[in-house]
Amino acid sequence: MDMSMFTSFEGRINRQKWWWGTIGLFVVNVILYFVLSALIGGSRMANMDPAAIADFIASAMRSAAIVQLIMVVIIAYPGTALMKKRLNDRDRPSWMVYMYWTPLVISILLNLTGMGMTATDVGGVVIPMSSTLSLIVSLASLVIGIWGLIELGFLRGTSGPNQHGPDPLAA
């Protein structure tokens, strides 16, 4: 795997290289998740006291948002480079990269600030649940994610050279 796929925003890559790069970043993401969760993951719930369950869930959601934020900071540059090169191959505008990142960043910020959660009374126990705003952002993330997957992973790049370089399949 050519490391310039993750370190430069210039040039073009085909679908196969994008998939291999995406799978590589996914593996790194999974490893990071387990390492960071072990380091940051909140305390375990010692008892099943109904009042403590809500506090535990809220704390776990914030801890998960912190883990996600750290992972995004680590993966953002190589992920953006990979997406940008694929967009270059499709001769699409660069700003689309940021559109792919926006719902994830908003979701993390909502959870960090507590705006992604709402308290709901379930049988006398207050349980934090996803807020309506968080659900809307999640839906937008799903739609944009599917669109991005189709755009980057399944549609053929521009045939022949374009403004970003020669066709990676022409070799």
C-alpha atoms as a PDB file:
ATOM      1  CA  MET A   1       0.000   0.000   0.000  1.00  0.00           C
ATOM      2  CA  ASP A   2       1.447   3.343  -1.080  1.00  0.00           C
ATOM      3  CA  MET A   3       1.647   5.669   1.939  1.00  0.00           C
ATOM      4  CA  SER A   4       1.203   8.762  -0.268  1.00  0.00           C
ATOM      5  CA  MET A   5      -2.473   7.750  -0.455  1.00  0.00           C
ATOM      6  CA  PHE A   6      -2.705   8.920   3.171  1.00  0.00           C
ATOM      7  CA  THR A   7      -0.243  11.824   3.178  1.00  0.00           C
ATOM      8  CA  SER A   8      -1.048  13.910   0.093  1.00  0.00           C
ATOM      9  CA  PHE A   9      -4.159  15.543  -1.303  1.00  0.00           C
ATOM     10  CA  GLU A  10      -2.818  15.615  -4.859  1.00  0.00           C
ATOM     11  CA  GLY A  11      -3.385  13.030  -7.569  1.00  0.00           C
ATOM     12  CA  ARG A  12      -5.934  10.337  -8.254  1.00  0.00           C
ATOM     13  CA  ILE A  13      -6.617   6.820  -7.005  1.00  0.00           C
ATOM     14  CA  ASN A  14      -8.939   4.197  -8.415  1.00  0.00           C
ATOM     15  CA  ARG A  15     -11.671   2.325  -6.550  1.00  0.00           C
ATOM     16  CA  GLN A  16      -9.461  -0.637  -5.693  1.00  0.00           C
ATOM     17  CA  LYS A  17      -6.833   1.525  -3.967  1.00  0.00           C
ATOM     18  CA  TRP A  18      -9.593   3.467  -2.204  1.00  0.00           C
ATOM     19  CA  TRP A  19     -11.116   0.245  -0.866  1.00  0.00           C
ATOM     20  CA  TRP A  20      -7.746  -1.064   0.353  1.00  0.00           C
ATOM     21  CA  GLY A  21      -6.991   2.286   1.993  1.00  0.00           C
ATOM     22  CA  THR A  22     -10.447   2.411   3.574  1.00  0.00           C
ATOM     23  CA  ILE A  23     -10.117  -1.131   4.928  1.00  0.00           C
ATOM     24  CA  GLY A  24      -6.681  -0.216   6.332  1.00  0.00           C
ATOM     25  CA  LEU A  25      -8.086   2.870   8.075  1.00  0.00           C
ATOM     26  CA  PHE A  26     -11.012   0.806   9.373  1.00  0.00           C
ATOM     27  CA  VAL A  27      -8.611  -1.706  10.964  1.00  0.00           C
ATOM     28  CA  VAL A  28      -6.617   1.144  12.536  1.00  0.00           C
ATOM     29  CA  ASN A  29      -9.902   2.656  13.762  1.00  0.00           C
ATOM     30  CA  VAL A  30     -10.995  -0.595  15.421  1.00  0.00           C
ATOM     31  CA  ILE A  31      -7.636  -0.987  17.166  1.00  0.00           C
ATOM     32  CA  LEU A  32      -7.736   2.662  18.287  1.00  0.00           C
ATOM     33  CA  TYR A  33     -11.252   2.204  19.599  1.00  0.00           C
ATOM     34  CA  PHE A  34     -10.282  -0.698  21.841  1.00  0.00           C
ATOM     35  CA  VAL A  35      -7.090   0.970  23.082  1.00  0.00           C
ATOM     36  CA  LEU A  36      -8.747   4.335  23.757  1.00  0.00           C
ATOM     37  CA  SER A  37     -11.838   2.748  25.306  1.00  0.00           C
ATOM     38  CA  ALA A  38      -9.610   0.810  27.699  1.00  0.00           C
ATOM     39  CA  LEU A  39      -7.726   4.001  28.608  1.00  0.00           C
ATOM     40  CA  ILE A  40     -10.663   6.441  28.748  1.00  0.00           C
ATOM     41  CA  GLY A  41     -13.704   4.203  29.192  1.00  0.00           C
ATOM     42  CA  GLY A  42     -15.500   5.247  32.362  1.00  0.00           C
ATOM     43  CA  SER A  43     -15.848   3.186  35.488  1.00  0.00           C
ATOM     44  CA  ARG A  44     -17.841  -0.011  35.413  1.00  0.00           C
ATOM     45  CA  MET A  45     -21.217  -0.019  37.100  1.00  0.00           C
ATOM     46  CA  ALA A  46     -20.703  -1.712  40.463  1.00  0.00           C
ATOM     47  CA  ASN A  47     -24.347  -2.144  41.415  1.00  0.00           C
ATOM     48  CA  MET A  48     -27.688  -2.202  39.678  1.00  0.00           C
ATOM     49  CA  ASP A  49     -29.164   0.750  41.594  1.00  0.00           C
ATOM     50  CA  PRO A  50     -31.789   2.210  39.207  1.00  0.00           C
ATOM     51  CA  ALA A  51     -30.789   5.790  40.030  1.00  0.00           C
ATOM     52  CA  ALA A  52     -27.141   5.044  39.210  1.00  0.00           C
ATOM     53  CA  ILE A  53     -28.000   3.509  35.828  1.00  0.00           C
ATOM     54  CA  ALA A  54     -28.916   6.870  34.270  1.00  0.00           C
ATOM     55  CA  ASP A  55     -25.696   8.486  35.512  1.00  0.00           C
ATOM     56  CA  PHE A  56     -23.689   5.533  34.243  1.00  0.00           C
ATOM     57  CA  ILE A  57     -25.281   5.688  30.782  1.00  0.00           C
ATOM     58  CA  ALA A  58     -24.734   9.460  30.516  1.00  0.00           C
ATOM     59  CA  SER A  59     -21.101   9.051  31.586  1.00  0.00           C
ATOM     60  CA  ALA A  60     -20.596   6.197  29.114  1.00  0.00           C
ATOM     61  CA  MET A  61     -22.066   8.279  26.271  1.00  0.00           C
ATOM     62  CA  ARG A  62     -19.704  11.170  27.039  1.00  0.00           C
ATOM     63  CA  SER A  63     -16.735   8.791  27.305  1.00  0.00           C
ATOM     64  CA  ALA A  64     -17.686   7.304  23.930  1.00  0.00           C
ATOM     65  CA  ALA A  65     -17.850  10.823  22.428  1.00  0.00           C
ATOM     66  CA  ILE A  66     -14.354  11.581  23.779  1.00  0.00           C
ATOM     67  CA  VAL A  67     -13.038   8.339  22.265  1.00  0.00           C
ATOM     68  CA  GLN A  68     -14.714   9.198  18.932  1.00  0.00           C
ATOM     69  CA  LEU A  69     -13.257  12.714  18.975  1.00  0.00           C
ATOM     70  CA  ILE A  70      -9.718  11.417  19.541  1.00  0.00           C
ATOM     71  CA  MET A  71     -10.181   8.811  16.797  1.00  0.00           C
ATOM     72  CA  VAL A  72     -11.448  11.444  14.339  1.00  0.00           C
ATOM     73  CA  VAL A  73      -8.491  13.701  15.120  1.00  0.00           C
ATOM     74  CA  ILE A  74      -6.082  10.814  14.434  1.00  0.00           C
ATOM     75  CA  ILE A  75      -7.852   9.505  11.309  1.00  0.00           C
ATOM     76  CA  ALA A  76      -8.959  12.859   9.822  1.00  0.00           C
ATOM     77  CA  TYR A  77      -5.842  13.674   7.801  1.00  0.00           C
ATOM     78  CA  PRO A  78      -5.262  10.248   6.180  1.00  0.00           C
ATOM     79  CA  GLY A  79      -9.009   9.757   5.684  1.00  0.00           C
ATOM     80  CA  THR A  80      -9.388  13.160   4.070  1.00  0.00           C
ATOM     81  CA  ALA A  81      -6.389  12.513   1.806  1.00  0.00           C
ATOM     82  CA  LEU A  82      -7.880   9.198   0.708  1.00  0.00           C
ATOM     83  CA  MET A  83     -11.303  10.705   0.004  1.00  0.00           C
ATOM     84  CA  LYS A  84      -9.806  13.744  -1.753  1.00  0.00           C
ATOM     85  CA  LYS A  85      -7.768  11.573  -4.143  1.00  0.00           C
ATOM     86  CA  ARG A  86     -10.838   9.524  -4.958  1.00  0.00           C
ATOM     87  CA  LEU A  87     -12.885  12.678  -5.542  1.00  0.00           C
ATOM     88  CA  ASN A  88     -10.040  13.896  -7.781  1.00  0.00           C
ATOM     89  CA  ASP A  89     -10.382  10.696  -9.802  1.00  0.00           C
ATOM     90  CA  ARG A  90     -14.124  11.349 -10.160  1.00  0.00           C
ATOM     91  CA  ASP A  91     -13.367  15.027 -11.013  1.00  0.00           C
ATOM     92  CA  ARG A  92     -15.635  16.137  -8.168  1.00  0.00           C
ATOM     93  CA  PRO A  93     -15.185  19.325  -6.071  1.00  0.00           C
ATOM     94  CA  SER A  94     -12.870  19.188  -3.041  1.00  0.00           C
ATOM     95  CA  TRP A  95     -15.458  20.625  -0.640  1.00  0.00           C
ATOM     96  CA  MET A  96     -17.382  17.342  -0.794  1.00  0.00           C
ATOM     97  CA  VAL A  97     -14.795  15.830   1.585  1.00  0.00           C
ATOM     98  CA  TYR A  98     -15.942  18.154   4.340  1.00  0.00           C
ATOM     99  CA  MET A  99     -19.580  17.358   3.672  1.00  0.00           C
ATOM    100  CA  TYR A 100     -18.766  13.693   4.390  1.00  0.00           C
ATOM    101  CA  TRP A 101     -17.145  14.612   7.732  1.00  0.00           C
ATOM    102  CA  THR A 102     -19.748  17.148   8.935  1.00  0.00           C
ATOM    103  CA  PRO A 103     -22.475  14.834  10.373  1.00  0.00           C
ATOM    104  CA  LEU A 104     -19.901  12.815  12.333  1.00  0.00           C
ATOM    105  CA  VAL A 105     -18.306  15.922  13.832  1.00  0.00           C
ATOM    106  CA  ILE A 106     -21.711  17.416  14.715  1.00  0.00           C
ATOM    107  CA  SER A 107     -22.769  14.128  16.322  1.00  0.00           C
ATOM    108  CA  ILE A 108     -19.617  14.010  18.457  1.00  0.00           C
ATOM    109  CA  LEU A 109     -20.055  17.643  19.522  1.00  0.00           C
ATOM    110  CA  LEU A 110     -23.703  17.028  20.436  1.00  0.00           C
ATOM    111  CA  ASN A 111     -22.713  14.098  22.641  1.00  0.00           C
ATOM    112  CA  LEU A 112     -19.809  15.978  24.254  1.00  0.00           C
ATOM    113  CA  THR A 113     -22.041  18.907  25.177  1.00  0.00           C
ATOM    114  CA  GLY A 114     -24.914  16.709  26.325  1.00  0.00           C
ATOM    115  CA  MET A 115     -27.186  18.074  23.587  1.00  0.00           C
ATOM    116  CA  GLY A 116     -27.259  14.648  21.954  1.00  0.00           C
ATOM    117  CA  MET A 117     -29.114  13.242  24.924  1.00  0.00           C
ATOM    118  CA  THR A 118     -32.427  13.829  26.630  1.00  0.00           C
ATOM    119  CA  ALA A 119     -33.718  12.420  29.898  1.00  0.00           C
ATOM    120  CA  THR A 120     -36.712  10.109  29.692  1.00  0.00           C
ATOM    121  CA  ASP A 121     -38.628   8.684  32.657  1.00  0.00           C
ATOM    122  CA  VAL A 122     -39.024   4.923  32.233  1.00  0.00           C
ATOM    123  CA  GLY A 123     -40.910   3.334  35.101  1.00  0.00           C
ATOM    124  CA  GLY A 124     -39.703   5.911  37.617  1.00  0.00           C
ATOM    125  CA  VAL A 125     -36.080   5.749  36.458  1.00  0.00           C
ATOM    126  CA  VAL A 126     -34.663   8.615  34.425  1.00  0.00           C
ATOM    127  CA  ILE A 127     -32.767   7.189  31.448  1.00  0.00           C
ATOM    128  CA  PRO A 128     -30.721   9.294  29.004  1.00  0.00           C
ATOM    129  CA  MET A 129     -31.755   8.683  25.397  1.00  0.00           C
ATOM    130  CA  SER A 130     -30.770  10.172  22.050  1.00  0.00           C
ATOM    131  CA  SER A 131     -32.350  13.567  21.478  1.00  0.00           C
ATOM    132  CA  THR A 132     -34.433  14.391  18.422  1.00  0.00           C
ATOM    133  CA  LEU A 133     -31.562  16.552  17.139  1.00  0.00           C
ATOM    134  CA  SER A 134     -29.160  13.640  17.565  1.00  0.00           C
ATOM    135  CA  LEU A 135     -31.511  11.328  15.667  1.00  0.00           C
ATOM    136  CA  ILE A 136     -31.800  13.861  12.809  1.00  0.00           C
ATOM    137  CA  VAL A 137     -27.999  14.146  12.627  1.00  0.00           C
ATOM    138  CA  SER A 138     -27.732  10.342  12.661  1.00  0.00           C
ATOM    139  CA  LEU A 139     -30.196  10.093   9.781  1.00  0.00           C
ATOM    140  CA  ALA A 140     -28.276  12.755   7.822  1.00  0.00           C
ATOM    141  CA  SER A 141     -25.058  10.855   8.555  1.00  0.00           C
ATOM    142  CA  LEU A 142     -26.591   7.644   7.219  1.00  0.00           C
ATOM    143  CA  VAL A 143     -27.833   9.290   4.006  1.00  0.00           C
ATOM    144  CA  ILE A 144     -24.553  11.147   3.376  1.00  0.00           C
ATOM    145  CA  GLY A 145     -22.572   8.012   4.265  1.00  0.00           C
ATOM    146  CA  ILE A 146     -24.459   5.867   1.747  1.00  0.00           C
ATOM    147  CA  TRP A 147     -24.065   8.573  -0.891  1.00  0.00           C
ATOM    148  CA  GLY A 148     -20.340   8.849  -0.105  1.00  0.00           C
ATOM    149  CA  LEU A 149     -19.906   5.087  -0.277  1.00  0.00           C
ATOM    150  CA  ILE A 150     -21.541   4.982  -3.698  1.00  0.00           C
ATOM    151  CA  GLU A 151     -19.630   8.054  -4.933  1.00  0.00           C
ATOM    152  CA  LEU A 152     -16.212   6.955  -3.674  1.00  0.00           C
ATOM    153  CA  GLY A 153     -16.430   3.191  -3.650  1.00  0.00           C
ATOM    154  CA  PHE A 154     -18.602   2.134  -6.549  1.00  0.00           C
ATOM    155  CA  LEU A 155     -18.679   4.766  -9.305  1.00  0.00           C
ATOM    156  CA  ARG A 156     -15.937   4.716 -11.910  1.00  0.00           C
ATOM    157  CA  GLY A 157     -13.491   7.597 -12.084  1.00  0.00           C
ATOM    158  CA  THR A 158     -13.133   9.974 -15.009  1.00  0.00           C
ATOM    159  CA  SER A 159     -11.827   8.148 -18.090  1.00  0.00           C
ATOM    160  CA  GLY A 160      -8.553   9.566 -19.333  1.00  0.00           C
ATOM    161  CA  PRO A 161      -6.644  12.447 -17.800  1.00  0.00           C
ATOM    162  CA  ASN A 162      -8.438  15.210 -15.920  1.00  0.00           C
ATOM    163  CA  GLN A 163      -7.284  18.360 -14.110  1.00  0.00           C
ATOM    164  CA  HIS A 164      -5.875  16.224 -11.248  1.00  0.00           C
ATOM    165  CA  GLY A 165      -3.636  13.981 -13.329  1.00  0.00           C
ATOM    166  CA  PRO A 166      -3.624  10.934 -15.567  1.00  0.00           C
ATOM    167  CA  ASP A 167      -6.173   8.128 -15.332  1.00  0.00           C
ATOM    168  CA  PRO A 168      -4.879   5.675 -12.676  1.00  0.00           C
ATOM    169  CA  LEU A 169      -6.309   2.793 -14.738  1.00  0.00           C
ATOM    170  CA  ALA A 170      -4.551   3.887 -17.957  1.00  0.00           C
ATOM    171  CA  ALA A 171      -1.226   2.393 -16.879  1.00  0.00           C
END
